[in-house]
Amino acid sequence: MTKGQLLKATAKLCSQDADLEKVVKKFGAPPLWNRPEGFRTLIYLILEQQVSLASARATFEKLVSWLGSDPTPKEILLLSFEELRSIGFSRQKISYSRLLSQAVIDGTLSINDLGKLSDEVVKRELMKIKGIGPWTADVYLMEALSRPDVWPTGDLALAVGAAKVKKLASRPNENDLKKLGEQWRPFRSVAARILWHYYLCEIRPQAGEKPS
């Protein structure tokens, strides 16, 4: 998905949903938030699991500084447990990163071929690796493979943003969020970006946090 396609889809959604239109009128169109395809992004997404974006960014930047370049599967496996811990990896994320690295090296996961596959198959292939769940696979589909109709129901910021924008009585659970997203097909990835943009611009600043 290009910036132009994002803007076109944003306009389409706004013409169909007054709540999304209000968000875009107040804060502008959402960023594209693209990431490069490949191993680097999967490691970064593992680091982002259940921590703040700032914390994940700091750990990844320390990893790159330690290695002198973006990580490769071989380099991850060559780093000792103690080295990865000193960089900022949790015990669990060391395990996940090593399992991912080994899967890439032995051919269990062919990252370079993922872009040729359907959303469902990409998600299935990624989730064969322990430590890569629905959220990680969904964000990889959205931001690395630029798929237009992905809806990461396990994303907390998305649920909080949706509850506020759609004036829901409470934060939706994953099943309710899935149902809510149906109205935005075939551009759920764009609707998610609009709601993320709202969360970063409206909700996080209220909590004393700056958008990043």
N, C-alpha and C. Protein backbone atom coordinates (compact mmCIF):
# COMPACT_ATOMS: atom_id res chain seq x y z
N MET A 1 0.84 -1.18 0.00
CA MET A 1 0.00 0.00 0.00
C MET A 1 0.88 1.24 0.00
N THR A 2 0.66 2.10 -0.95
CA THR A 2 1.42 3.33 -1.06
C THR A 2 0.73 4.45 -0.27
N LYS A 3 1.41 5.58 -0.13
CA LYS A 3 0.81 6.72 0.55
C LYS A 3 -0.45 7.17 -0.18
N GLY A 4 -0.39 7.17 -1.51
CA GLY A 4 -1.56 7.56 -2.29
C GLY A 4 -2.73 6.62 -2.07
N GLN A 5 -2.46 5.34 -2.02
CA GLN A 5 -3.52 4.36 -1.78
C GLN A 5 -4.09 4.51 -0.38
N LEU A 6 -3.21 4.82 0.58
CA LEU A 6 -3.68 5.05 1.94
C LEU A 6 -4.63 6.24 2.00
N LEU A 7 -4.26 7.32 1.34
CA LEU A 7 -5.11 8.52 1.35
C LEU A 7 -6.44 8.27 0.66
N LYS A 8 -6.41 7.52 -0.43
CA LYS A 8 -7.64 7.21 -1.16
C LYS A 8 -8.56 6.34 -0.31
N ALA A 9 -7.99 5.34 0.35
CA ALA A 9 -8.79 4.47 1.21
C ALA A 9 -9.31 5.23 2.43
N THR A 10 -8.50 6.15 2.96
CA THR A 10 -8.94 6.97 4.09
C THR A 10 -10.15 7.81 3.70
N ALA A 11 -10.10 8.41 2.52
CA ALA A 11 -11.23 9.21 2.04
C ALA A 11 -12.48 8.35 1.87
N LYS A 12 -12.29 7.14 1.37
CA LYS A 12 -13.42 6.23 1.17
C LYS A 12 -14.06 5.87 2.51
N LEU A 13 -13.25 5.54 3.49
CA LEU A 13 -13.78 5.20 4.81
C LEU A 13 -14.49 6.39 5.46
N CYS A 14 -13.91 7.57 5.30
CA CYS A 14 -14.51 8.77 5.89
C CYS A 14 -15.86 9.09 5.26
N SER A 15 -16.02 8.76 3.99
CA SER A 15 -17.30 9.00 3.31
C SER A 15 -18.38 8.05 3.80
N GLN A 16 -17.95 6.96 4.44
CA GLN A 16 -18.90 5.94 4.91
C GLN A 16 -19.09 5.94 6.42
N ASP A 17 -18.18 6.58 7.15
CA ASP A 17 -18.21 6.52 8.61
C ASP A 17 -17.93 7.90 9.20
N ALA A 18 -18.95 8.51 9.78
CA ALA A 18 -18.82 9.86 10.30
C ALA A 18 -17.84 9.94 11.47
N ASP A 19 -17.74 8.88 12.25
CA ASP A 19 -16.82 8.89 13.39
C ASP A 19 -15.36 8.92 12.93
N LEU A 20 -15.05 8.11 11.93
CA LEU A 20 -13.69 8.13 11.39
C LEU A 20 -13.40 9.47 10.71
N GLU A 21 -14.42 10.02 10.07
CA GLU A 21 -14.26 11.31 9.40
C GLU A 21 -13.89 12.40 10.42
N LYS A 22 -14.51 12.37 11.59
CA LYS A 22 -14.20 13.36 12.63
C LYS A 22 -12.74 13.26 13.07
N VAL A 23 -12.27 12.02 13.20
CA VAL A 23 -10.87 11.81 13.59
C VAL A 23 -9.92 12.41 12.57
N VAL A 24 -10.19 12.12 11.30
CA VAL A 24 -9.30 12.58 10.23
C VAL A 24 -9.37 14.10 10.08
N LYS A 25 -10.55 14.67 10.27
CA LYS A 25 -10.67 16.13 10.19
C LYS A 25 -9.87 16.80 11.31
N LYS A 26 -9.83 16.18 12.48
CA LYS A 26 -9.14 16.79 13.62
C LYS A 26 -7.64 16.56 13.58
N PHE A 27 -7.23 15.34 13.20
CA PHE A 27 -5.82 14.98 13.31
C PHE A 27 -5.12 14.72 11.97
N GLY A 28 -5.88 14.77 10.89
CA GLY A 28 -5.29 14.50 9.58
C GLY A 28 -5.28 13.01 9.27
N ALA A 29 -4.88 12.69 8.06
CA ALA A 29 -4.79 11.28 7.65
C ALA A 29 -3.70 10.59 8.46
N PRO A 30 -3.85 9.30 8.71
CA PRO A 30 -2.85 8.59 9.52
C PRO A 30 -1.55 8.38 8.75
N PRO A 31 -0.45 8.20 9.45
CA PRO A 31 0.81 7.84 8.79
C PRO A 31 0.71 6.46 8.15
N LEU A 32 1.59 6.19 7.21
CA LEU A 32 1.61 4.89 6.55
C LEU A 32 2.18 3.81 7.47
N TRP A 33 3.15 4.18 8.28
CA TRP A 33 3.76 3.26 9.25
C TRP A 33 4.24 1.97 8.58
N ASN A 34 4.96 2.11 7.50
CA ASN A 34 5.52 0.93 6.84
C ASN A 34 6.83 0.51 7.51
N ARG A 35 7.14 -0.77 7.43
CA ARG A 35 8.40 -1.32 7.91
C ARG A 35 8.99 -2.18 6.80
N PRO A 36 10.30 -2.38 6.80
CA PRO A 36 10.91 -3.24 5.78
C PRO A 36 10.51 -4.70 5.97
N GLU A 37 10.38 -5.41 4.87
CA GLU A 37 10.14 -6.85 4.96
C GLU A 37 11.39 -7.53 5.51
N GLY A 38 11.19 -8.65 6.19
CA GLY A 38 12.34 -9.46 6.55
C GLY A 38 12.54 -9.72 8.03
N PHE A 39 13.64 -10.37 8.32
CA PHE A 39 13.99 -10.83 9.67
C PHE A 39 14.08 -9.67 10.66
N ARG A 40 14.67 -8.56 10.24
CA ARG A 40 14.84 -7.40 11.11
C ARG A 40 13.51 -7.00 11.75
N THR A 41 12.48 -6.89 10.92
CA THR A 41 11.18 -6.44 11.42
C THR A 41 10.55 -7.47 12.35
N LEU A 42 10.72 -8.74 12.06
CA LEU A 42 10.16 -9.76 12.95
C LEU A 42 10.82 -9.72 14.33
N ILE A 43 12.14 -9.52 14.37
CA ILE A 43 12.82 -9.38 15.66
C ILE A 43 12.29 -8.15 16.39
N TYR A 44 12.15 -7.05 15.67
CA TYR A 44 11.64 -5.81 16.27
C TYR A 44 10.24 -6.03 16.84
N LEU A 45 9.39 -6.74 16.09
CA LEU A 45 8.03 -6.99 16.57
C LEU A 45 8.01 -7.88 17.80
N ILE A 46 8.91 -8.84 17.86
CA ILE A 46 9.01 -9.66 19.08
C ILE A 46 9.37 -8.76 20.27
N LEU A 47 10.28 -7.83 20.05
CA LEU A 47 10.66 -6.91 21.12
C LEU A 47 9.51 -6.00 21.53
N GLU A 48 8.60 -5.70 20.60
CA GLU A 48 7.48 -4.81 20.90
C GLU A 48 6.36 -5.50 21.69
N GLN A 49 6.39 -6.80 21.77
CA GLN A 49 5.31 -7.52 22.44
C GLN A 49 5.20 -7.13 23.92
N GLN A 50 4.04 -6.59 24.29
CA GLN A 50 3.69 -6.32 25.69
C GLN A 50 4.63 -5.35 26.41
N VAL A 51 5.27 -4.47 25.65
CA VAL A 51 6.06 -3.40 26.26
C VAL A 51 5.76 -2.11 25.51
N SER A 52 6.24 -1.00 26.02
CA SER A 52 6.03 0.27 25.33
C SER A 52 6.86 0.33 24.05
N LEU A 53 6.41 1.15 23.12
CA LEU A 53 7.16 1.32 21.88
C LEU A 53 8.55 1.87 22.17
N ALA A 54 8.64 2.77 23.14
CA ALA A 54 9.94 3.36 23.47
C ALA A 54 10.91 2.31 24.01
N SER A 55 10.41 1.42 24.83
CA SER A 55 11.25 0.36 25.39
C SER A 55 11.75 -0.57 24.30
N ALA A 56 10.85 -0.97 23.41
CA ALA A 56 11.24 -1.86 22.31
C ALA A 56 12.26 -1.19 21.40
N ARG A 57 12.03 0.09 21.12
CA ARG A 57 12.95 0.83 20.25
C ARG A 57 14.34 0.90 20.88
N ALA A 58 14.40 1.17 22.17
CA ALA A 58 15.69 1.27 22.86
C ALA A 58 16.45 -0.05 22.81
N THR A 59 15.74 -1.15 23.02
CA THR A 59 16.40 -2.46 22.99
C THR A 59 16.88 -2.79 21.58
N PHE A 60 16.05 -2.50 20.58
CA PHE A 60 16.46 -2.81 19.21
C PHE A 60 17.66 -1.96 18.81
N GLU A 61 17.64 -0.69 19.16
CA GLU A 61 18.77 0.18 18.82
C GLU A 61 20.05 -0.29 19.52
N LYS A 62 19.93 -0.78 20.73
CA LYS A 62 21.11 -1.31 21.44
C LYS A 62 21.62 -2.57 20.75
N LEU A 63 20.69 -3.41 20.26
CA LEU A 63 21.08 -4.61 19.52
C LEU A 63 21.85 -4.25 18.25
N VAL A 64 21.32 -3.29 17.50
CA VAL A 64 21.99 -2.86 16.26
C VAL A 64 23.36 -2.27 16.57
N SER A 65 23.43 -1.47 17.64
CA SER A 65 24.71 -0.89 18.04
C SER A 65 25.71 -1.97 18.43
N TRP A 66 25.24 -2.97 19.14
CA TRP A 66 26.09 -4.08 19.59
C TRP A 66 26.66 -4.83 18.39
N LEU A 67 25.79 -5.09 17.39
CA LEU A 67 26.20 -5.87 16.22
C LEU A 67 26.92 -5.02 15.17
N GLY A 68 26.60 -3.73 15.15
CA GLY A 68 27.16 -2.86 14.12
C GLY A 68 26.35 -2.83 12.85
N SER A 69 25.21 -3.54 12.85
CA SER A 69 24.33 -3.57 11.69
C SER A 69 23.02 -4.23 12.11
N ASP A 70 22.05 -4.28 11.18
CA ASP A 70 20.80 -4.97 11.48
C ASP A 70 21.08 -6.44 11.79
N PRO A 71 20.31 -7.04 12.68
CA PRO A 71 20.56 -8.43 13.06
C PRO A 71 20.25 -9.42 11.95
N THR A 72 21.01 -10.48 11.91
CA THR A 72 20.73 -11.61 11.03
C THR A 72 20.46 -12.83 11.91
N PRO A 73 19.83 -13.86 11.36
CA PRO A 73 19.57 -15.06 12.17
C PRO A 73 20.84 -15.65 12.78
N LYS A 74 21.90 -15.71 11.99
CA LYS A 74 23.15 -16.28 12.49
C LYS A 74 23.71 -15.47 13.65
N GLU A 75 23.64 -14.15 13.54
CA GLU A 75 24.18 -13.29 14.60
C GLU A 75 23.38 -13.44 15.89
N ILE A 76 22.07 -13.57 15.77
CA ILE A 76 21.25 -13.77 16.97
C ILE A 76 21.64 -15.06 17.68
N LEU A 77 21.85 -16.12 16.91
CA LEU A 77 22.21 -17.40 17.51
C LEU A 77 23.61 -17.39 18.11
N LEU A 78 24.48 -16.55 17.58
CA LEU A 78 25.85 -16.48 18.09
C LEU A 78 25.96 -15.66 19.38
N LEU A 79 24.98 -14.80 19.63
CA LEU A 79 24.99 -14.02 20.87
C LEU A 79 24.64 -14.93 22.05
N SER A 80 25.37 -14.80 23.13
CA SER A 80 25.10 -15.62 24.31
C SER A 80 23.84 -15.12 25.02
N PHE A 81 23.33 -15.96 25.89
CA PHE A 81 22.18 -15.58 26.71
C PHE A 81 22.49 -14.31 27.50
N GLU A 82 23.66 -14.27 28.08
CA GLU A 82 24.06 -13.11 28.90
C GLU A 82 24.16 -11.85 28.05
N GLU A 83 24.67 -11.98 26.84
CA GLU A 83 24.78 -10.81 25.96
C GLU A 83 23.39 -10.29 25.60
N LEU A 84 22.49 -11.18 25.24
CA LEU A 84 21.13 -10.75 24.89
C LEU A 84 20.42 -10.14 26.09
N ARG A 85 20.64 -10.68 27.27
CA ARG A 85 20.03 -10.10 28.47
C ARG A 85 20.58 -8.70 28.72
N SER A 86 21.87 -8.51 28.52
CA SER A 86 22.47 -7.20 28.75
C SER A 86 21.99 -6.18 27.73
N ILE A 87 21.63 -6.65 26.55
CA ILE A 87 21.08 -5.76 25.52
C ILE A 87 19.67 -5.32 25.88
N GLY A 88 18.94 -6.18 26.60
CA GLY A 88 17.59 -5.81 27.02
C GLY A 88 16.52 -6.83 26.71
N PHE A 89 16.90 -7.97 26.15
CA PHE A 89 15.94 -9.03 25.86
C PHE A 89 15.50 -9.71 27.15
N SER A 90 14.22 -9.98 27.28
CA SER A 90 13.75 -10.81 28.38
C SER A 90 14.11 -12.27 28.09
N ARG A 91 14.01 -13.12 29.10
CA ARG A 91 14.28 -14.55 28.89
C ARG A 91 13.39 -15.11 27.79
N GLN A 92 12.12 -14.76 27.85
CA GLN A 92 11.15 -15.28 26.88
C GLN A 92 11.48 -14.80 25.48
N LYS A 93 11.85 -13.54 25.35
CA LYS A 93 12.14 -13.00 24.02
C LYS A 93 13.46 -13.51 23.46
N ILE A 94 14.38 -13.90 24.33
CA ILE A 94 15.58 -14.59 23.86
C ILE A 94 15.18 -15.90 23.21
N SER A 95 14.31 -16.64 23.89
CA SER A 95 13.85 -17.92 23.36
C SER A 95 13.14 -17.74 22.03
N TYR A 96 12.23 -16.77 21.97
CA TYR A 96 11.47 -16.53 20.73
C TYR A 96 12.40 -16.13 19.59
N SER A 97 13.36 -15.25 19.88
CA SER A 97 14.27 -14.77 18.84
C SER A 97 15.16 -15.89 18.32
N ARG A 98 15.58 -16.76 19.21
CA ARG A 98 16.41 -17.89 18.79
C ARG A 98 15.60 -18.90 17.97
N LEU A 99 14.36 -19.15 18.37
CA LEU A 99 13.51 -20.07 17.61
C LEU A 99 13.24 -19.52 16.21
N LEU A 100 12.98 -18.21 16.12
CA LEU A 100 12.78 -17.59 14.81
C LEU A 100 14.05 -17.70 13.97
N SER A 101 15.18 -17.40 14.56
CA SER A 101 16.46 -17.46 13.83
C SER A 101 16.72 -18.86 13.29
N GLN A 102 16.50 -19.86 14.13
CA GLN A 102 16.73 -21.24 13.71
C GLN A 102 15.78 -21.64 12.59
N ALA A 103 14.52 -21.19 12.68
CA ALA A 103 13.53 -21.51 11.64
C ALA A 103 13.92 -20.92 10.30
N VAL A 104 14.48 -19.72 10.32
CA VAL A 104 14.92 -19.08 9.07
C VAL A 104 16.13 -19.82 8.51
N ILE A 105 17.07 -20.17 9.36
CA ILE A 105 18.29 -20.84 8.91
C ILE A 105 18.00 -22.23 8.35
N ASP A 106 17.12 -22.97 9.02
CA ASP A 106 16.86 -24.34 8.54
C ASP A 106 15.76 -24.42 7.48
N GLY A 107 15.20 -23.27 7.11
CA GLY A 107 14.23 -23.24 6.03
C GLY A 107 12.80 -23.51 6.44
N THR A 108 12.56 -23.67 7.73
CA THR A 108 11.18 -23.85 8.20
C THR A 108 10.33 -22.64 7.85
N LEU A 109 10.93 -21.46 7.92
CA LEU A 109 10.26 -20.22 7.55
C LEU A 109 11.06 -19.54 6.45
N SER A 110 10.42 -19.33 5.31
CA SER A 110 11.06 -18.62 4.20
C SER A 110 10.50 -17.21 4.14
N ILE A 111 11.17 -16.29 4.83
CA ILE A 111 10.65 -14.93 4.94
C ILE A 111 10.51 -14.27 3.58
N ASN A 112 11.45 -14.49 2.69
CA ASN A 112 11.44 -13.82 1.39
C ASN A 112 10.27 -14.24 0.52
N ASP A 113 9.65 -15.38 0.83
CA ASP A 113 8.52 -15.85 0.03
C ASP A 113 7.17 -15.41 0.59
N LEU A 114 7.15 -14.81 1.76
CA LEU A 114 5.88 -14.47 2.39
C LEU A 114 5.06 -13.49 1.56
N GLY A 115 5.72 -12.57 0.89
CA GLY A 115 5.01 -11.57 0.10
C GLY A 115 4.23 -12.14 -1.05
N LYS A 116 4.51 -13.37 -1.43
CA LYS A 116 3.81 -14.02 -2.55
C LYS A 116 2.55 -14.76 -2.09
N LEU A 117 2.36 -14.85 -0.78
CA LEU A 117 1.30 -15.67 -0.23
C LEU A 117 0.10 -14.84 0.21
N SER A 118 -1.05 -15.49 0.37
CA SER A 118 -2.25 -14.81 0.84
C SER A 118 -2.10 -14.43 2.31
N ASP A 119 -2.94 -13.52 2.77
CA ASP A 119 -2.89 -13.10 4.17
C ASP A 119 -3.01 -14.30 5.11
N GLU A 120 -3.95 -15.18 4.81
CA GLU A 120 -4.21 -16.32 5.69
C GLU A 120 -2.99 -17.25 5.76
N VAL A 121 -2.36 -17.49 4.62
CA VAL A 121 -1.21 -18.39 4.59
C VAL A 121 -0.01 -17.75 5.27
N VAL A 122 0.20 -16.46 5.04
CA VAL A 122 1.29 -15.76 5.72
C VAL A 122 1.13 -15.88 7.24
N LYS A 123 -0.07 -15.63 7.70
CA LYS A 123 -0.33 -15.69 9.14
C LYS A 123 -0.08 -17.09 9.68
N ARG A 124 -0.53 -18.08 8.94
CA ARG A 124 -0.34 -19.47 9.37
C ARG A 124 1.14 -19.83 9.43
N GLU A 125 1.90 -19.41 8.41
CA GLU A 125 3.34 -19.73 8.36
C GLU A 125 4.08 -19.05 9.51
N LEU A 126 3.77 -17.79 9.76
CA LEU A 126 4.45 -17.08 10.84
C LEU A 126 4.12 -17.68 12.20
N MET A 127 2.87 -18.06 12.38
CA MET A 127 2.45 -18.54 13.69
C MET A 127 2.89 -19.98 13.98
N LYS A 128 3.55 -20.60 13.03
CA LYS A 128 4.18 -21.89 13.30
C LYS A 128 5.37 -21.73 14.25
N ILE A 129 5.90 -20.50 14.29
CA ILE A 129 7.07 -20.21 15.12
C ILE A 129 6.59 -19.80 16.51
N LYS A 130 7.03 -20.52 17.54
CA LYS A 130 6.65 -20.16 18.90
C LYS A 130 7.13 -18.75 19.21
N GLY A 131 6.21 -17.95 19.73
CA GLY A 131 6.56 -16.57 20.03
C GLY A 131 6.00 -15.58 19.01
N ILE A 132 5.54 -16.10 17.88
CA ILE A 132 4.87 -15.25 16.89
C ILE A 132 3.39 -15.62 16.92
N GLY A 133 2.61 -14.75 17.54
CA GLY A 133 1.18 -14.98 17.65
C GLY A 133 0.40 -14.13 16.67
N PRO A 134 -0.92 -14.08 16.83
CA PRO A 134 -1.77 -13.32 15.90
C PRO A 134 -1.38 -11.85 15.77
N TRP A 135 -1.06 -11.19 16.91
CA TRP A 135 -0.74 -9.76 16.84
C TRP A 135 0.51 -9.52 16.01
N THR A 136 1.57 -10.26 16.27
CA THR A 136 2.82 -10.08 15.54
C THR A 136 2.62 -10.35 14.06
N ALA A 137 1.89 -11.42 13.74
CA ALA A 137 1.63 -11.75 12.33
C ALA A 137 0.80 -10.68 11.66
N ASP A 138 -0.21 -10.17 12.36
CA ASP A 138 -1.07 -9.14 11.78
C ASP A 138 -0.30 -7.86 11.48
N VAL A 139 0.52 -7.42 12.43
CA VAL A 139 1.28 -6.18 12.22
C VAL A 139 2.30 -6.37 11.11
N TYR A 140 2.89 -7.55 11.01
CA TYR A 140 3.82 -7.81 9.90
C TYR A 140 3.08 -7.73 8.57
N LEU A 141 1.90 -8.30 8.50
CA LEU A 141 1.09 -8.22 7.28
C LEU A 141 0.77 -6.77 6.93
N MET A 142 0.38 -6.00 7.93
CA MET A 142 -0.02 -4.61 7.69
C MET A 142 1.15 -3.72 7.29
N GLU A 143 2.23 -3.79 8.06
CA GLU A 143 3.27 -2.78 7.94
C GLU A 143 4.47 -3.21 7.11
N ALA A 144 4.75 -4.50 7.05
CA ALA A 144 5.88 -4.97 6.24
C ALA A 144 5.42 -5.41 4.85
N LEU A 145 4.26 -6.07 4.80
CA LEU A 145 3.75 -6.54 3.51
C LEU A 145 2.69 -5.61 2.93
N SER A 146 2.32 -4.57 3.67
CA SER A 146 1.40 -3.53 3.19
C SER A 146 0.05 -4.08 2.73
N ARG A 147 -0.46 -5.06 3.44
CA ARG A 147 -1.76 -5.63 3.09
C ARG A 147 -2.86 -4.68 3.57
N PRO A 148 -3.89 -4.43 2.74
CA PRO A 148 -4.87 -3.40 3.05
C PRO A 148 -6.01 -3.80 3.98
N ASP A 149 -6.21 -5.10 4.21
CA ASP A 149 -7.41 -5.53 4.94
C ASP A 149 -7.07 -6.46 6.10
N VAL A 150 -6.21 -5.99 6.99
CA VAL A 150 -5.82 -6.76 8.18
C VAL A 150 -6.35 -6.02 9.41
N TRP A 151 -6.81 -6.79 10.39
CA TRP A 151 -7.44 -6.19 11.56
C TRP A 151 -6.90 -6.86 12.83
N PRO A 152 -5.90 -6.26 13.47
CA PRO A 152 -5.23 -6.88 14.62
C PRO A 152 -6.04 -6.79 15.91
N THR A 153 -6.94 -7.73 16.10
CA THR A 153 -7.87 -7.67 17.23
C THR A 153 -7.17 -7.78 18.59
N GLY A 154 -5.93 -8.23 18.61
CA GLY A 154 -5.22 -8.34 19.87
C GLY A 154 -4.46 -7.09 20.27
N ASP A 155 -4.65 -6.00 19.53
CA ASP A 155 -3.91 -4.77 19.80
C ASP A 155 -4.66 -3.90 20.80
N LEU A 156 -4.03 -3.61 21.92
CA LEU A 156 -4.68 -2.84 22.99
C LEU A 156 -5.02 -1.42 22.55
N ALA A 157 -4.09 -0.75 21.89
CA ALA A 157 -4.33 0.62 21.45
C ALA A 157 -5.50 0.68 20.47
N LEU A 158 -5.62 -0.32 19.62
CA LEU A 158 -6.73 -0.36 18.67
C LEU A 158 -8.05 -0.49 19.41
N ALA A 159 -8.10 -1.36 20.42
CA ALA A 159 -9.33 -1.55 21.18
C ALA A 159 -9.71 -0.29 21.94
N VAL A 160 -8.73 0.36 22.55
CA VAL A 160 -9.00 1.59 23.30
C VAL A 160 -9.46 2.70 22.35
N GLY A 161 -8.77 2.84 21.22
CA GLY A 161 -9.16 3.85 20.24
C GLY A 161 -10.54 3.61 19.69
N ALA A 162 -10.86 2.36 19.38
CA ALA A 162 -12.18 2.02 18.84
C ALA A 162 -13.28 2.33 19.85
N ALA A 163 -13.03 2.02 21.12
CA ALA A 163 -14.03 2.28 22.15
C ALA A 163 -14.35 3.77 22.26
N LYS A 164 -13.31 4.60 22.17
CA LYS A 164 -13.52 6.05 22.28
C LYS A 164 -14.19 6.62 21.03
N VAL A 165 -13.68 6.24 19.86
CA VAL A 165 -14.20 6.81 18.61
C VAL A 165 -15.64 6.37 18.35
N LYS A 166 -15.94 5.12 18.65
CA LYS A 166 -17.30 4.61 18.40
C LYS A 166 -18.21 4.75 19.62
N LYS A 167 -17.69 5.40 20.68
CA LYS A 167 -18.48 5.70 21.88
C LYS A 167 -19.09 4.43 22.49
N LEU A 168 -18.26 3.42 22.64
CA LEU A 168 -18.71 2.16 23.22
C LEU A 168 -18.73 2.27 24.74
N ALA A 169 -19.58 1.49 25.38
CA ALA A 169 -19.72 1.54 26.84
C ALA A 169 -18.46 1.03 27.53
N SER A 170 -17.75 0.12 26.90
CA SER A 170 -16.52 -0.41 27.48
C SER A 170 -15.57 -0.83 26.36
N ARG A 171 -14.34 -1.09 26.73
CA ARG A 171 -13.36 -1.51 25.74
C ARG A 171 -13.75 -2.87 25.18
N PRO A 172 -13.81 -3.02 23.86
CA PRO A 172 -14.24 -4.29 23.27
C PRO A 172 -13.21 -5.39 23.47
N ASN A 173 -13.71 -6.62 23.70
CA ASN A 173 -12.80 -7.76 23.71
C ASN A 173 -12.46 -8.13 22.27
N GLU A 174 -11.63 -9.14 22.09
CA GLU A 174 -11.17 -9.46 20.73
C GLU A 174 -12.32 -9.87 19.82
N ASN A 175 -13.28 -10.60 20.34
CA ASN A 175 -14.40 -11.04 19.52
C ASN A 175 -15.26 -9.85 19.10
N ASP A 176 -15.53 -8.95 20.04
CA ASP A 176 -16.32 -7.76 19.72
C ASP A 176 -15.58 -6.84 18.75
N LEU A 177 -14.26 -6.73 18.93
CA LEU A 177 -13.47 -5.89 18.04
C LEU A 177 -13.46 -6.47 16.62
N LYS A 178 -13.43 -7.80 16.54
CA LYS A 178 -13.49 -8.45 15.23
C LYS A 178 -14.79 -8.10 14.52
N LYS A 179 -15.90 -8.17 15.25
CA LYS A 179 -17.21 -7.85 14.66
C LYS A 179 -17.26 -6.38 14.24
N LEU A 180 -16.72 -5.51 15.08
CA LEU A 180 -16.72 -4.08 14.77
C LEU A 180 -15.97 -3.80 13.47
N GLY A 181 -14.88 -4.50 13.26
CA GLY A 181 -14.05 -4.25 12.08
C GLY A 181 -14.67 -4.66 10.76
N GLU A 182 -15.69 -5.51 10.80
CA GLU A 182 -16.29 -6.00 9.56
C GLU A 182 -16.82 -4.86 8.69
N GLN A 183 -17.29 -3.80 9.31
CA GLN A 183 -17.88 -2.68 8.56
C GLN A 183 -16.84 -1.95 7.71
N TRP A 184 -15.57 -2.15 7.99
CA TRP A 184 -14.52 -1.40 7.28
C TRP A 184 -13.79 -2.22 6.22
N ARG A 185 -14.26 -3.45 5.98
CA ARG A 185 -13.70 -4.20 4.86
C ARG A 185 -13.95 -3.44 3.57
N PRO A 186 -13.07 -3.46 2.58
CA PRO A 186 -11.80 -4.20 2.50
C PRO A 186 -10.58 -3.34 2.89
N PHE A 187 -10.83 -2.34 3.77
CA PHE A 187 -9.74 -1.44 4.17
C PHE A 187 -9.56 -1.41 5.68
N ARG A 188 -9.63 -2.58 6.31
CA ARG A 188 -9.50 -2.60 7.77
C ARG A 188 -8.11 -2.15 8.24
N SER A 189 -7.08 -2.39 7.43
CA SER A 189 -5.74 -1.91 7.80
C SER A 189 -5.71 -0.39 7.89
N VAL A 190 -6.48 0.26 7.04
CA VAL A 190 -6.53 1.72 7.04
C VAL A 190 -7.36 2.21 8.22
N ALA A 191 -8.47 1.54 8.49
CA ALA A 191 -9.28 1.89 9.67
C ALA A 191 -8.44 1.74 10.94
N ALA A 192 -7.64 0.69 11.01
CA ALA A 192 -6.77 0.48 12.17
C ALA A 192 -5.78 1.63 12.30
N ARG A 193 -5.21 2.07 11.20
CA ARG A 193 -4.26 3.18 11.25
C ARG A 193 -4.94 4.46 11.73
N ILE A 194 -6.18 4.69 11.29
CA ILE A 194 -6.91 5.88 11.74
C ILE A 194 -7.12 5.82 13.26
N LEU A 195 -7.50 4.66 13.75
CA LEU A 195 -7.74 4.51 15.19
C LEU A 195 -6.44 4.57 15.99
N TRP A 196 -5.37 4.02 15.45
CA TRP A 196 -4.06 4.16 16.10
C TRP A 196 -3.65 5.63 16.14
N HIS A 197 -3.87 6.34 15.04
CA HIS A 197 -3.53 7.76 14.96
C HIS A 197 -4.29 8.55 16.03
N TYR A 198 -5.56 8.22 16.17
CA TYR A 198 -6.38 8.85 17.21
C TYR A 198 -5.82 8.55 18.60
N TYR A 199 -5.47 7.31 18.83
CA TYR A 199 -4.92 6.91 20.13
C TYR A 199 -3.65 7.69 20.45
N LEU A 200 -2.76 7.79 19.48
CA LEU A 200 -1.49 8.49 19.70
C LEU A 200 -1.68 9.99 19.90
N CYS A 201 -2.62 10.57 19.16
CA CYS A 201 -2.80 12.03 19.21
C CYS A 201 -3.72 12.49 20.33
N GLU A 202 -4.70 11.68 20.67
CA GLU A 202 -5.73 12.09 21.62
C GLU A 202 -5.60 11.43 22.99
N ILE A 203 -5.41 10.14 23.02
CA ILE A 203 -5.47 9.41 24.29
C ILE A 203 -4.14 9.43 25.03
N ARG A 204 -3.04 9.13 24.34
CA ARG A 204 -1.74 9.10 25.02
C ARG A 204 -1.35 10.46 25.60
N PRO A 205 -1.57 11.57 24.88
CA PRO A 205 -1.23 12.87 25.48
C PRO A 205 -2.03 13.14 26.76
N GLN A 206 -3.29 12.67 26.82
CA GLN A 206 -4.11 12.86 28.02
C GLN A 206 -3.53 12.11 29.20
N ALA A 207 -2.80 11.03 28.89
CA ALA A 207 -2.18 10.24 29.96
C ALA A 207 -0.77 10.75 30.29
N GLY A 208 -0.43 11.90 29.70
CA GLY A 208 0.87 12.48 29.96
C GLY A 208 1.97 11.91 29.10
N GLU A 209 1.59 11.24 28.02
CA GLU A 209 2.57 10.66 27.11
C GLU A 209 2.55 11.41 25.79
N LYS A 210 3.68 11.47 25.15
CA LYS A 210 3.77 12.12 23.86
C LYS A 210 3.69 11.07 22.75
N PRO A 211 2.98 11.39 21.65
CA PRO A 211 2.95 10.46 20.53
C PRO A 211 4.36 10.17 20.02
N SER A 212 4.60 8.94 19.59
CA SER A 212 5.91 8.58 19.07
C SER A 212 5.77 7.97 17.70
